[in-house]
Amino acid sequence: MSRSIWKGPFVDPSLIKKVEKLKGLTNKAPIKTWSRKSTIIPEFVGHSFLIHNGKKFIPIKISEEMVGHKLGEFSPTRQFSGHTPADKKAAQTEASQGKPARAPGSTPPTATSSTQKTAQSPSQNKENSNAKK
């Protein structure tokens, strides 16, 4: 649910004080903040912030396109490591068991079907047919 228009954007009062203090300075040090819920206002453009993501501070330089967004949107709290495909998992388990790994994208070795028979001598064919009876 969004914030009511008549209230205006929420900005932590300590952030406004820090930005006002840095306006007169030429050498602007980054502002360290834990206030991820603060909205970026036009006065923040050009300033750099160190936004806490729960573990470390992420450096962010505020541009005009960021106005209206929250500070927390620009410092992700979770790191996506990617999905591990089943073929990659199978290759890892085969490698750990000492089996040679297949090349990615190759088809698995197929078992010989019942229609494929090895070459047998005629006497073996007769024995097999007699055994079935």
Protein backbone atom coordinates (compact mmCIF):
# COMPACT_ATOMS: atom_id res chain seq x y z
CA MET A 1 0.00 0.00 0.00
CA SER A 2 1.42 3.39 -0.94
CA ARG A 3 1.72 6.41 1.27
CA SER A 4 -1.04 9.01 1.28
CA ILE A 5 -0.38 11.93 -1.08
CA TRP A 6 -1.35 14.57 1.47
CA LYS A 7 1.37 13.29 3.85
CA GLY A 8 4.16 13.64 1.29
CA PRO A 9 7.21 11.38 0.94
CA PHE A 10 8.84 9.99 4.07
CA VAL A 11 12.45 11.02 4.57
CA ASP A 12 14.32 10.40 7.79
CA PRO A 13 14.92 13.80 9.48
CA SER A 14 18.55 12.93 10.20
CA LEU A 15 19.15 12.40 6.45
CA ILE A 16 17.74 15.83 5.62
CA LYS A 17 20.03 17.42 8.23
CA LYS A 18 23.10 15.60 6.83
CA VAL A 19 22.30 16.64 3.25
CA GLU A 20 21.75 20.27 4.31
CA LYS A 21 25.11 20.24 6.10
CA LEU A 22 26.91 18.93 2.97
CA LYS A 23 25.30 21.42 0.54
CA GLY A 24 27.89 24.14 1.21
CA LEU A 25 30.91 21.85 1.01
CA THR A 26 32.81 21.12 -2.19
CA ASN A 27 34.29 17.81 -1.01
CA LYS A 28 31.20 15.72 -0.24
CA ALA A 29 31.79 12.62 1.86
CA PRO A 30 29.25 9.79 1.47
CA ILE A 31 26.36 9.79 3.95
CA LYS A 32 26.10 6.56 5.91
CA THR A 33 22.51 5.50 6.59
CA TRP A 34 20.43 2.60 7.85
CA SER A 35 17.17 4.25 6.72
CA ARG A 36 16.25 2.08 3.73
CA LYS A 37 12.62 3.22 3.89
CA SER A 38 13.45 6.86 3.14
CA THR A 39 12.27 8.20 -0.21
CA ILE A 40 14.82 9.83 -2.51
CA ILE A 41 13.95 13.51 -2.96
CA PRO A 42 15.41 15.99 -5.49
CA GLU A 43 17.72 17.49 -2.83
CA PHE A 44 19.60 14.15 -2.71
CA VAL A 45 20.63 14.28 -6.41
CA GLY A 46 24.40 14.41 -6.76
CA HIS A 47 25.09 13.14 -3.25
CA SER A 48 26.49 9.70 -2.48
CA PHE A 49 25.08 7.44 0.20
CA LEU A 50 26.29 4.31 1.96
CA ILE A 51 23.10 2.26 2.41
CA HIS A 52 23.14 -0.66 4.83
CA ASN A 53 21.81 -3.95 3.46
CA GLY A 54 21.89 -5.84 6.77
CA LYS A 55 25.48 -6.98 6.43
CA LYS A 56 27.52 -4.20 4.82
CA PHE A 57 27.15 -0.71 3.38
CA ILE A 58 26.54 -0.42 -0.36
CA PRO A 59 27.81 2.82 -2.01
CA ILE A 60 25.17 4.58 -4.15
CA LYS A 61 25.45 7.81 -6.16
CA ILE A 62 22.01 9.44 -6.48
CA SER A 63 20.89 10.47 -9.98
CA GLU A 64 17.71 12.15 -11.26
CA GLU A 65 16.15 8.84 -12.34
CA MET A 66 16.19 7.62 -8.73
CA VAL A 67 13.95 10.41 -7.40
CA GLY A 68 10.72 8.99 -5.97
CA HIS A 69 12.19 5.54 -5.22
CA LYS A 70 13.26 4.27 -1.81
CA LEU A 71 16.91 4.07 -0.78
CA GLY A 72 16.54 0.35 0.01
CA GLU A 73 15.71 -0.46 -3.61
CA PHE A 74 19.31 0.19 -4.61
CA SER A 75 21.03 -2.02 -2.03
CA PRO A 76 19.86 -5.63 -2.40
CA THR A 77 19.66 -7.69 0.77
CA ARG A 78 19.82 -11.09 -0.90
CA GLN A 79 22.32 -12.46 -3.38
CA PHE A 80 20.99 -14.81 -6.06
CA SER A 81 23.49 -17.53 -6.88
CA GLY A 82 21.49 -19.02 -9.77
CA HIS A 83 19.66 -22.23 -10.35
CA THR A 84 21.75 -25.38 -10.62
CA PRO A 85 20.57 -27.53 -13.54
CA ALA A 86 20.01 -31.24 -12.97
CA ASP A 87 22.77 -32.13 -15.46
CA LYS A 88 25.26 -30.07 -13.48
CA LYS A 89 24.26 -31.80 -10.23
CA ALA A 90 24.57 -35.23 -11.87
CA ALA A 91 28.03 -34.36 -13.19
CA GLN A 92 29.11 -33.26 -9.73
CA THR A 93 27.91 -36.49 -8.10
CA GLU A 94 29.54 -38.63 -10.80
CA ALA A 95 32.80 -36.76 -10.38
CA SER A 96 32.71 -37.26 -6.63
CA GLN A 97 32.08 -41.01 -7.09
CA GLY A 98 34.96 -41.35 -9.55
CA LYS A 99 32.83 -41.94 -12.66
CA PRO A 100 33.70 -40.02 -15.83
CA ALA A 101 31.37 -37.07 -16.35
CA ARG A 102 29.39 -36.71 -19.56
CA ALA A 103 29.75 -33.65 -21.72
CA PRO A 104 26.93 -31.14 -21.19
CA GLY A 105 24.17 -31.55 -23.76
CA SER A 106 25.15 -35.09 -24.72
CA THR A 107 22.64 -37.88 -24.53
CA PRO A 108 23.02 -40.54 -21.86
CA PRO A 109 24.29 -43.95 -22.95
CA THR A 110 21.34 -46.16 -23.88
CA ALA A 111 20.98 -49.74 -22.75
CA THR A 112 20.78 -52.42 -25.43
CA SER A 113 17.18 -53.17 -26.23
CA SER A 114 15.70 -56.62 -26.58
CA THR A 115 15.49 -56.20 -30.35
CA GLN A 116 19.24 -55.72 -30.61
CA LYS A 117 20.90 -59.11 -30.26
CA THR A 118 24.53 -59.98 -30.49
CA ALA A 119 25.70 -62.30 -33.22
CA GLN A 120 25.14 -65.90 -32.15
CA SER A 121 26.12 -69.12 -33.82
CA PRO A 122 23.28 -71.27 -35.30
CA SER A 123 23.71 -73.90 -32.59
CA GLN A 124 23.20 -71.29 -29.86
CA ASN A 125 20.04 -70.06 -31.61
CA LYS A 126 18.62 -73.62 -31.58
CA GLU A 127 19.47 -74.03 -27.89
CA ASN A 128 17.72 -70.77 -27.05
CA SER A 129 14.63 -71.75 -29.04
CA ASN A 130 14.57 -75.23 -27.44
CA ALA A 131 14.93 -73.71 -23.98
CA LYS A 132 11.92 -71.48 -24.55
CA LYS A 133 9.71 -74.48 -25.39
